[in-house]
Amino acid sequence: MGRLPSAGYKSHDRGPREFKSRLRKETGDIMALAKKKVITISPSHPIKDASELMVEKEIRRLPVTSSGTGRLQGALVTRDIINFRV
């Protein structure tokens, strides 16, 4: 199967090699790096809402959490939406 058209999607992820070369040897508190206010969506929302939210907030990954418990159920990435619409 060939590569699907990107529809303007450009990933800034460069894969494990570049990631490894950019790691620091320092240690520290993970919460100093982690975002505390995470934008999420529930599984009952339409895909259109999720894609509009991702565009509005300029994010490429969207955690899918349970409405009642807030428990992580999955993650939606821009490539998922592109593949769905093709």
PDB file of N, CA and C in Angstrom:
ATOM      1  N   MET A   1       0.852  -1.180   0.000  1.00  0.00           N
ATOM      2  CA  MET A   1       0.000   0.000   0.000  1.00  0.00           C
ATOM      3  C   MET A   1       0.889   1.232   0.000  1.00  0.00           C
ATOM      4  N   GLY A   2       0.567   2.200  -0.832  1.00  0.00           N
ATOM      5  CA  GLY A   2       1.362   3.415  -0.918  1.00  0.00           C
ATOM      6  C   GLY A   2       1.063   4.383   0.204  1.00  0.00           C
ATOM      7  N   ARG A   3       1.856   5.384   0.273  1.00  0.00           N
ATOM      8  CA  ARG A   3       1.680   6.412   1.299  1.00  0.00           C
ATOM      9  C   ARG A   3       0.460   7.271   0.971  1.00  0.00           C
ATOM     10  N   LEU A   4      -0.330   7.565   1.971  1.00  0.00           N
ATOM     11  CA  LEU A   4      -1.521   8.381   1.785  1.00  0.00           C
ATOM     12  C   LEU A   4      -1.137   9.849   1.657  1.00  0.00           C
ATOM     13  N   PRO A   5      -1.917  10.621   0.920  1.00  0.00           N
ATOM     14  CA  PRO A   5      -1.614  12.053   0.811  1.00  0.00           C
ATOM     15  C   PRO A   5      -1.690  12.728   2.167  1.00  0.00           C
ATOM     16  N   SER A   6      -0.832  13.695   2.369  1.00  0.00           N
ATOM     17  CA  SER A   6      -0.738  14.308   3.693  1.00  0.00           C
ATOM     18  C   SER A   6      -1.734  15.437   3.920  1.00  0.00           C
ATOM     19  N   ALA A   7      -2.324  15.971   2.903  1.00  0.00           N
ATOM     20  CA  ALA A   7      -3.309  17.054   3.028  1.00  0.00           C
ATOM     21  C   ALA A   7      -2.791  18.201   3.887  1.00  0.00           C
ATOM     22  N   GLY A   8      -1.530  18.571   3.688  1.00  0.00           N
ATOM     23  CA  GLY A   8      -0.967  19.682   4.432  1.00  0.00           C
ATOM     24  C   GLY A   8      -0.427  19.316   5.801  1.00  0.00           C
ATOM     25  N   TYR A   9      -0.533  18.068   6.179  1.00  0.00           N
ATOM     26  CA  TYR A   9      -0.054  17.619   7.487  1.00  0.00           C
ATOM     27  C   TYR A   9       1.454  17.480   7.444  1.00  0.00           C
ATOM     28  N   LYS A  10       2.118  18.105   8.382  1.00  0.00           N
ATOM     29  CA  LYS A  10       3.573  17.991   8.458  1.00  0.00           C
ATOM     30  C   LYS A  10       3.944  17.682   9.894  1.00  0.00           C
ATOM     31  N   SER A  11       4.504  16.519  10.115  1.00  0.00           N
ATOM     32  CA  SER A  11       4.869  16.107  11.463  1.00  0.00           C
ATOM     33  C   SER A  11       6.226  16.677  11.835  1.00  0.00           C
ATOM     34  N   HIS A  12       6.335  17.075  13.080  1.00  0.00           N
ATOM     35  CA  HIS A  12       7.624  17.528  13.587  1.00  0.00           C
ATOM     36  C   HIS A  12       8.334  16.404  14.322  1.00  0.00           C
ATOM     37  N   ASP A  13       7.704  15.245  14.391  1.00  0.00           N
ATOM     38  CA  ASP A  13       8.336  14.095  15.023  1.00  0.00           C
ATOM     39  C   ASP A  13       9.384  13.548  14.071  1.00  0.00           C
ATOM     40  N   ARG A  14      10.548  13.314  14.572  1.00  0.00           N
ATOM     41  CA  ARG A  14      11.632  12.836  13.728  1.00  0.00           C
ATOM     42  C   ARG A  14      12.028  11.393  14.029  1.00  0.00           C
ATOM     43  N   GLY A  15      11.339  10.763  14.953  1.00  0.00           N
ATOM     44  CA  GLY A  15      11.615   9.365  15.236  1.00  0.00           C
ATOM     45  C   GLY A  15      12.617   9.174  16.351  1.00  0.00           C
ATOM     46  N   PRO A  16      12.867   7.899  16.694  1.00  0.00           N
ATOM     47  CA  PRO A  16      13.692   7.575  17.856  1.00  0.00           C
ATOM     48  C   PRO A  16      15.144   8.027  17.757  1.00  0.00           C
ATOM     49  N   ARG A  17      15.730   8.016  16.568  1.00  0.00           N
ATOM     50  CA  ARG A  17      17.137   8.396  16.465  1.00  0.00           C
ATOM     51  C   ARG A  17      17.377   9.840  16.868  1.00  0.00           C
ATOM     52  N   GLU A  18      16.601  10.724  16.291  1.00  0.00           N
ATOM     53  CA  GLU A  18      16.790  12.136  16.624  1.00  0.00           C
ATOM     54  C   GLU A  18      16.404  12.396  18.077  1.00  0.00           C
ATOM     55  N   PHE A  19      15.360  11.747  18.547  1.00  0.00           N
ATOM     56  CA  PHE A  19      14.934  11.918  19.934  1.00  0.00           C
ATOM     57  C   PHE A  19      16.065  11.525  20.875  1.00  0.00           C
ATOM     58  N   LYS A  20      16.684  10.388  20.627  1.00  0.00           N
ATOM     59  CA  LYS A  20      17.763   9.905  21.494  1.00  0.00           C
ATOM     60  C   LYS A  20      18.941  10.877  21.491  1.00  0.00           C
ATOM     61  N   SER A  21      19.251  11.445  20.346  1.00  0.00           N
ATOM     62  CA  SER A  21      20.389  12.365  20.267  1.00  0.00           C
ATOM     63  C   SER A  21      20.114  13.679  20.995  1.00  0.00           C
ATOM     64  N   ARG A  22      18.844  13.971  21.247  1.00  0.00           N
ATOM     65  CA  ARG A  22      18.491  15.232  21.903  1.00  0.00           C
ATOM     66  C   ARG A  22      18.254  15.075  23.401  1.00  0.00           C
ATOM     67  N   LEU A  23      18.364  13.866  23.920  1.00  0.00           N
ATOM     68  CA  LEU A  23      18.145  13.637  25.348  1.00  0.00           C
ATOM     69  C   LEU A  23      19.249  14.266  26.181  1.00  0.00           C
ATOM     70  N   ARG A  24      18.872  14.757  27.316  1.00  0.00           N
ATOM     71  CA  ARG A  24      19.854  15.295  28.260  1.00  0.00           C
ATOM     72  C   ARG A  24      20.180  14.229  29.290  1.00  0.00           C
ATOM     73  N   LYS A  25      21.323  14.335  29.864  1.00  0.00           N
ATOM     74  CA  LYS A  25      21.744  13.379  30.882  1.00  0.00           C
ATOM     75  C   LYS A  25      21.264  13.800  32.270  1.00  0.00           C
ATOM     76  N   GLU A  26      20.664  14.975  32.357  1.00  0.00           N
ATOM     77  CA  GLU A  26      20.230  15.499  33.649  1.00  0.00           C
ATOM     78  C   GLU A  26      18.978  14.783  34.141  1.00  0.00           C
ATOM     79  N   THR A  27      18.772  14.853  35.442  1.00  0.00           N
ATOM     80  CA  THR A  27      17.538  14.331  36.020  1.00  0.00           C
ATOM     81  C   THR A  27      16.749  15.503  36.575  1.00  0.00           C
ATOM     82  N   GLY A  28      15.482  15.287  36.797  1.00  0.00           N
ATOM     83  CA  GLY A  28      14.666  16.367  37.339  1.00  0.00           C
ATOM     84  C   GLY A  28      13.235  15.910  37.533  1.00  0.00           C
ATOM     85  N   ASP A  29      12.421  16.830  37.981  1.00  0.00           N
ATOM     86  CA  ASP A  29      11.016  16.563  38.239  1.00  0.00           C
ATOM     87  C   ASP A  29      10.238  16.570  36.925  1.00  0.00           C
ATOM     88  N   ILE A  30       9.560  15.481  36.634  1.00  0.00           N
ATOM     89  CA  ILE A  30       8.821  15.373  35.375  1.00  0.00           C
ATOM     90  C   ILE A  30       7.703  16.410  35.273  1.00  0.00           C
ATOM     91  N   MET A  31       7.128  16.795  36.393  1.00  0.00           N
ATOM     92  CA  MET A  31       6.046  17.776  36.369  1.00  0.00           C
ATOM     93  C   MET A  31       6.535  19.178  36.013  1.00  0.00           C
ATOM     94  N   ALA A  32       7.830  19.396  36.055  1.00  0.00           N
ATOM     95  CA  ALA A  32       8.369  20.676  35.605  1.00  0.00           C
ATOM     96  C   ALA A  32       8.215  20.800  34.086  1.00  0.00           C
ATOM     97  N   LEU A  33       8.126  19.668  33.395  1.00  0.00           N
ATOM     98  CA  LEU A  33       7.971  19.654  31.945  1.00  0.00           C
ATOM     99  C   LEU A  33       6.536  19.409  31.503  1.00  0.00           C
ATOM    100  N   ALA A  34       5.789  18.657  32.297  1.00  0.00           N
ATOM    101  CA  ALA A  34       4.437  18.242  31.914  1.00  0.00           C
ATOM    102  C   ALA A  34       3.457  19.410  31.966  1.00  0.00           C
ATOM    103  N   LYS A  35       2.550  19.408  31.024  1.00  0.00           N
ATOM    104  CA  LYS A  35       1.492  20.418  31.032  1.00  0.00           C
ATOM    105  C   LYS A  35       0.428  19.981  32.022  1.00  0.00           C
ATOM    106  N   LYS A  36       0.011  20.901  32.838  1.00  0.00           N
ATOM    107  CA  LYS A  36      -0.963  20.565  33.873  1.00  0.00           C
ATOM    108  C   LYS A  36      -2.400  20.641  33.360  1.00  0.00           C
ATOM    109  N   LYS A  37      -2.665  21.544  32.434  1.00  0.00           N
ATOM    110  CA  LYS A  37      -4.012  21.643  31.867  1.00  0.00           C
ATOM    111  C   LYS A  37      -4.005  20.928  30.514  1.00  0.00           C
ATOM    112  N   VAL A  38      -4.504  19.712  30.521  1.00  0.00           N
ATOM    113  CA  VAL A  38      -4.506  18.893  29.314  1.00  0.00           C
ATOM    114  C   VAL A  38      -5.876  18.996  28.647  1.00  0.00           C
ATOM    115  N   ILE A  39      -5.876  19.276  27.363  1.00  0.00           N
ATOM    116  CA  ILE A  39      -7.119  19.341  26.599  1.00  0.00           C
ATOM    117  C   ILE A  39      -7.493  17.918  26.218  1.00  0.00           C
ATOM    118  N   THR A  40      -8.713  17.504  26.565  1.00  0.00           N
ATOM    119  CA  THR A  40      -9.174  16.146  26.273  1.00  0.00           C
ATOM    120  C   THR A  40     -10.531  16.199  25.583  1.00  0.00           C
ATOM    121  N   ILE A  41     -10.958  15.035  25.119  1.00  0.00           N
ATOM    122  CA  ILE A  41     -12.279  14.899  24.509  1.00  0.00           C
ATOM    123  C   ILE A  41     -12.846  13.547  24.913  1.00  0.00           C
ATOM    124  N   SER A  42     -14.161  13.460  24.996  1.00  0.00           N
ATOM    125  CA  SER A  42     -14.781  12.181  25.358  1.00  0.00           C
ATOM    126  C   SER A  42     -15.071  11.379  24.090  1.00  0.00           C
ATOM    127  N   PRO A  43     -15.178  10.058  24.219  1.00  0.00           N
ATOM    128  CA  PRO A  43     -15.405   9.215  23.046  1.00  0.00           C
ATOM    129  C   PRO A  43     -16.757   9.461  22.366  1.00  0.00           C
ATOM    130  N   SER A  44     -17.685  10.113  23.039  1.00  0.00           N
ATOM    131  CA  SER A  44     -19.006  10.351  22.446  1.00  0.00           C
ATOM    132  C   SER A  44     -19.030  11.557  21.500  1.00  0.00           C
ATOM    133  N   HIS A  45     -17.981  12.373  21.489  1.00  0.00           N
ATOM    134  CA  HIS A  45     -17.940  13.541  20.601  1.00  0.00           C
ATOM    135  C   HIS A  45     -17.727  13.105  19.149  1.00  0.00           C
ATOM    136  N   PRO A  46     -18.330  13.813  18.210  1.00  0.00           N
ATOM    137  CA  PRO A  46     -18.106  13.513  16.789  1.00  0.00           C
ATOM    138  C   PRO A  46     -16.661  13.821  16.380  1.00  0.00           C
ATOM    139  N   ILE A  47     -16.197  13.119  15.362  1.00  0.00           N
ATOM    140  CA  ILE A  47     -14.839  13.326  14.849  1.00  0.00           C
ATOM    141  C   ILE A  47     -14.664  14.776  14.391  1.00  0.00           C
ATOM    142  N   LYS A  48     -15.699  15.358  13.813  1.00  0.00           N
ATOM    143  CA  LYS A  48     -15.633  16.756  13.358  1.00  0.00           C
ATOM    144  C   LYS A  48     -15.300  17.684  14.521  1.00  0.00           C
ATOM    145  N   ASP A  49     -15.929  17.469  15.675  1.00  0.00           N
ATOM    146  CA  ASP A  49     -15.642  18.296  16.856  1.00  0.00           C
ATOM    147  C   ASP A  49     -14.190  18.146  17.286  1.00  0.00           C
ATOM    148  N   ALA A  50     -13.702  16.915  17.258  1.00  0.00           N
ATOM    149  CA  ALA A  50     -12.315  16.660  17.656  1.00  0.00           C
ATOM    150  C   ALA A  50     -11.349  17.371  16.718  1.00  0.00           C
ATOM    151  N   SER A  51     -11.605  17.280  15.409  1.00  0.00           N
ATOM    152  CA  SER A  51     -10.694  17.922  14.454  1.00  0.00           C
ATOM    153  C   SER A  51     -10.737  19.444  14.587  1.00  0.00           C
ATOM    154  N   GLU A  52     -11.922  20.009  14.814  1.00  0.00           N
ATOM    155  CA  GLU A  52     -12.025  21.462  15.000  1.00  0.00           C
ATOM    156  C   GLU A  52     -11.307  21.910  16.270  1.00  0.00           C
ATOM    157  N   LEU A  53     -11.416  21.124  17.328  1.00  0.00           N
ATOM    158  CA  LEU A  53     -10.727  21.436  18.579  1.00  0.00           C
ATOM    159  C   LEU A  53      -9.209  21.403  18.389  1.00  0.00           C
ATOM    160  N   MET A  54      -8.731  20.405  17.647  1.00  0.00           N
ATOM    161  CA  MET A  54      -7.294  20.293  17.404  1.00  0.00           C
ATOM    162  C   MET A  54      -6.776  21.483  16.595  1.00  0.00           C
ATOM    163  N   VAL A  55      -7.551  21.923  15.623  1.00  0.00           N
ATOM    164  CA  VAL A  55      -7.157  23.091  14.826  1.00  0.00           C
ATOM    165  C   VAL A  55      -7.178  24.348  15.691  1.00  0.00           C
ATOM    166  N   GLU A  56      -8.259  24.529  16.436  1.00  0.00           N
ATOM    167  CA  GLU A  56      -8.413  25.720  17.282  1.00  0.00           C
ATOM    168  C   GLU A  56      -7.294  25.839  18.316  1.00  0.00           C
ATOM    169  N   LYS A  57      -6.948  24.732  18.951  1.00  0.00           N
ATOM    170  CA  LYS A  57      -5.940  24.738  20.017  1.00  0.00           C
ATOM    171  C   LYS A  57      -4.524  24.496  19.498  1.00  0.00           C
ATOM    172  N   GLU A  58      -4.406  24.266  18.182  1.00  0.00           N
ATOM    173  CA  GLU A  58      -3.106  24.005  17.545  1.00  0.00           C
ATOM    174  C   GLU A  58      -2.382  22.838  18.207  1.00  0.00           C
ATOM    175  N   ILE A  59      -3.106  21.719  18.329  1.00  0.00           N
ATOM    176  CA  ILE A  59      -2.525  20.507  18.904  1.00  0.00           C
ATOM    177  C   ILE A  59      -2.642  19.368  17.901  1.00  0.00           C
ATOM    178  N   ARG A  60      -1.740  18.404  17.977  1.00  0.00           N
ATOM    179  CA  ARG A  60      -1.746  17.267  17.060  1.00  0.00           C
ATOM    180  C   ARG A  60      -2.163  15.970  17.741  1.00  0.00           C
ATOM    181  N   ARG A  61      -2.242  15.988  19.049  1.00  0.00           N
ATOM    182  CA  ARG A  61      -2.621  14.791  19.804  1.00  0.00           C
ATOM    183  C   ARG A  61      -3.703  15.178  20.801  1.00  0.00           C
ATOM    184  N   LEU A  62      -4.721  14.334  20.909  1.00  0.00           N
ATOM    185  CA  LEU A  62      -5.846  14.648  21.771  1.00  0.00           C
ATOM    186  C   LEU A  62      -6.202  13.409  22.593  1.00  0.00           C
ATOM    187  N   PRO A  63      -5.945  13.442  23.896  1.00  0.00           N
ATOM    188  CA  PRO A  63      -6.324  12.310  24.739  1.00  0.00           C
ATOM    189  C   PRO A  63      -7.847  12.147  24.764  1.00  0.00           C
ATOM    190  N   VAL A  64      -8.292  10.908  24.686  1.00  0.00           N
ATOM    191  CA  VAL A  64      -9.717  10.593  24.760  1.00  0.00           C
ATOM    192  C   VAL A  64      -9.965  10.033  26.153  1.00  0.00           C
ATOM    193  N   THR A  65     -10.812  10.729  26.920  1.00  0.00           N
ATOM    194  CA  THR A  65     -11.046  10.330  28.308  1.00  0.00           C
ATOM    195  C   THR A  65     -12.526  10.081  28.563  1.00  0.00           C
ATOM    196  N   SER A  66     -12.790   9.195  29.499  1.00  0.00           N
ATOM    197  CA  SER A  66     -14.153   8.875  29.902  1.00  0.00           C
ATOM    198  C   SER A  66     -14.811  10.107  30.510  1.00  0.00           C
ATOM    199  N   SER A  67     -16.051  10.362  30.123  1.00  0.00           N
ATOM    200  CA  SER A  67     -16.773  11.535  30.640  1.00  0.00           C
ATOM    201  C   SER A  67     -16.956  11.475  32.147  1.00  0.00           C
ATOM    202  N   GLY A  68     -17.263  10.298  32.660  1.00  0.00           N
ATOM    203  CA  GLY A  68     -17.549  10.168  34.085  1.00  0.00           C
ATOM    204  C   GLY A  68     -16.325  10.154  34.967  1.00  0.00           C
ATOM    205  N   THR A  69     -15.328   9.372  34.593  1.00  0.00           N
ATOM    206  CA  THR A  69     -14.166   9.175  35.462  1.00  0.00           C
ATOM    207  C   THR A  69     -12.947   9.984  35.052  1.00  0.00           C
ATOM    208  N   GLY A  70     -12.915  10.445  33.814  1.00  0.00           N
ATOM    209  CA  GLY A  70     -11.732  11.143  33.326  1.00  0.00           C
ATOM    210  C   GLY A  70     -10.592  10.193  33.003  1.00  0.00           C
ATOM    211  N   ARG A  71     -10.882   8.906  33.045  1.00  0.00           N
ATOM    212  CA  ARG A  71      -9.847   7.891  32.787  1.00  0.00           C
ATOM    213  C   ARG A  71      -9.484   7.873  31.295  1.00  0.00           C
ATOM    214  N   LEU A  72      -8.195   7.784  31.033  1.00  0.00           N
ATOM    215  CA  LEU A  72      -7.696   7.755  29.662  1.00  0.00           C
ATOM    216  C   LEU A  72      -8.175   6.494  28.958  1.00  0.00           C
ATOM    217  N   GLN A  73      -8.792   6.676  27.782  1.00  0.00           N
ATOM    218  CA  GLN A  73      -9.273   5.539  27.004  1.00  0.00           C
ATOM    219  C   GLN A  73      -8.496   5.374  25.707  1.00  0.00           C
ATOM    220  N   GLY A  74      -7.815   6.415  25.284  1.00  0.00           N
ATOM    221  CA  GLY A  74      -7.056   6.345  24.046  1.00  0.00           C
ATOM    222  C   GLY A  74      -6.517   7.715  23.691  1.00  0.00           C
ATOM    223  N   ALA A  75      -5.968   7.796  22.490  1.00  0.00           N
ATOM    224  CA  ALA A  75      -5.436   9.068  22.007  1.00  0.00           C
ATOM    225  C   ALA A  75      -5.756   9.196  20.528  1.00  0.00           C
ATOM    226  N   LEU A  76      -6.172  10.371  20.139  1.00  0.00           N
ATOM    227  CA  LEU A  76      -6.476  10.675  18.751  1.00  0.00           C
ATOM    228  C   LEU A  76      -5.354  11.562  18.230  1.00  0.00           C
ATOM    229  N   VAL A  77      -4.804  11.209  17.088  1.00  0.00           N
ATOM    230  CA  VAL A  77      -3.746  12.027  16.485  1.00  0.00           C
ATOM    231  C   VAL A  77      -4.229  12.519  15.121  1.00  0.00           C
ATOM    232  N   THR A  78      -3.620  13.566  14.627  1.00  0.00           N
ATOM    233  CA  THR A  78      -4.069  14.154  13.366  1.00  0.00           C
ATOM    234  C   THR A  78      -4.060  13.135  12.234  1.00  0.00           C
ATOM    235  N   ARG A  79      -3.103  12.250  12.225  1.00  0.00           N
ATOM    236  CA  ARG A  79      -3.025  11.232  11.170  1.00  0.00           C
ATOM    237  C   ARG A  79      -4.272  10.342  11.186  1.00  0.00           C
ATOM    238  N   ASP A  80      -4.831  10.060  12.361  1.00  0.00           N
ATOM    239  CA  ASP A  80      -6.065   9.269  12.454  1.00  0.00           C
ATOM    240  C   ASP A  80      -7.200   9.965  11.700  1.00  0.00           C
ATOM    241  N   ILE A  81      -7.314  11.264  11.878  1.00  0.00           N
ATOM    242  CA  ILE A  81      -8.385  12.021  11.226  1.00  0.00           C
ATOM    243  C   ILE A  81      -8.153  12.089   9.724  1.00  0.00           C
ATOM    244  N   ILE A  82      -6.924  12.314   9.322  1.00  0.00           N
ATOM    245  CA  ILE A  82      -6.602  12.353   7.890  1.00  0.00           C
ATOM    246  C   ILE A  82      -6.928  11.014   7.247  1.00  0.00           C
ATOM    247  N   ASN A  83      -6.524   9.922   7.866  1.00  0.00           N
ATOM    248  CA  ASN A  83      -6.796   8.590   7.320  1.00  0.00           C
ATOM    249  C   ASN A  83      -8.295   8.306   7.274  1.00  0.00           C
ATOM    250  N   PHE A  84      -9.041   8.790   8.253  1.00  0.00           N
ATOM    251  CA  PHE A  84     -10.485   8.585   8.296  1.00  0.00           C
ATOM    252  C   PHE A  84     -11.176   9.313   7.148  1.00  0.00           C
ATOM    253  N   ARG A  85     -10.705  10.509   6.832  1.00  0.00           N
ATOM    254  CA  ARG A  85     -11.348  11.337   5.804  1.00  0.00           C
ATOM    255  C   ARG A  85     -10.940  10.970   4.390  1.00  0.00           C
ATOM    256  N   VAL A  86      -9.885  10.202   4.219  1.00  0.00           N
ATOM    257  CA  VAL A  86      -9.416   9.843   2.867  1.00  0.00           C
ATOM    258  C   VAL A  86     -10.268   8.736   2.310  1.00  0.00           C
TER     259      VAL A  86
END
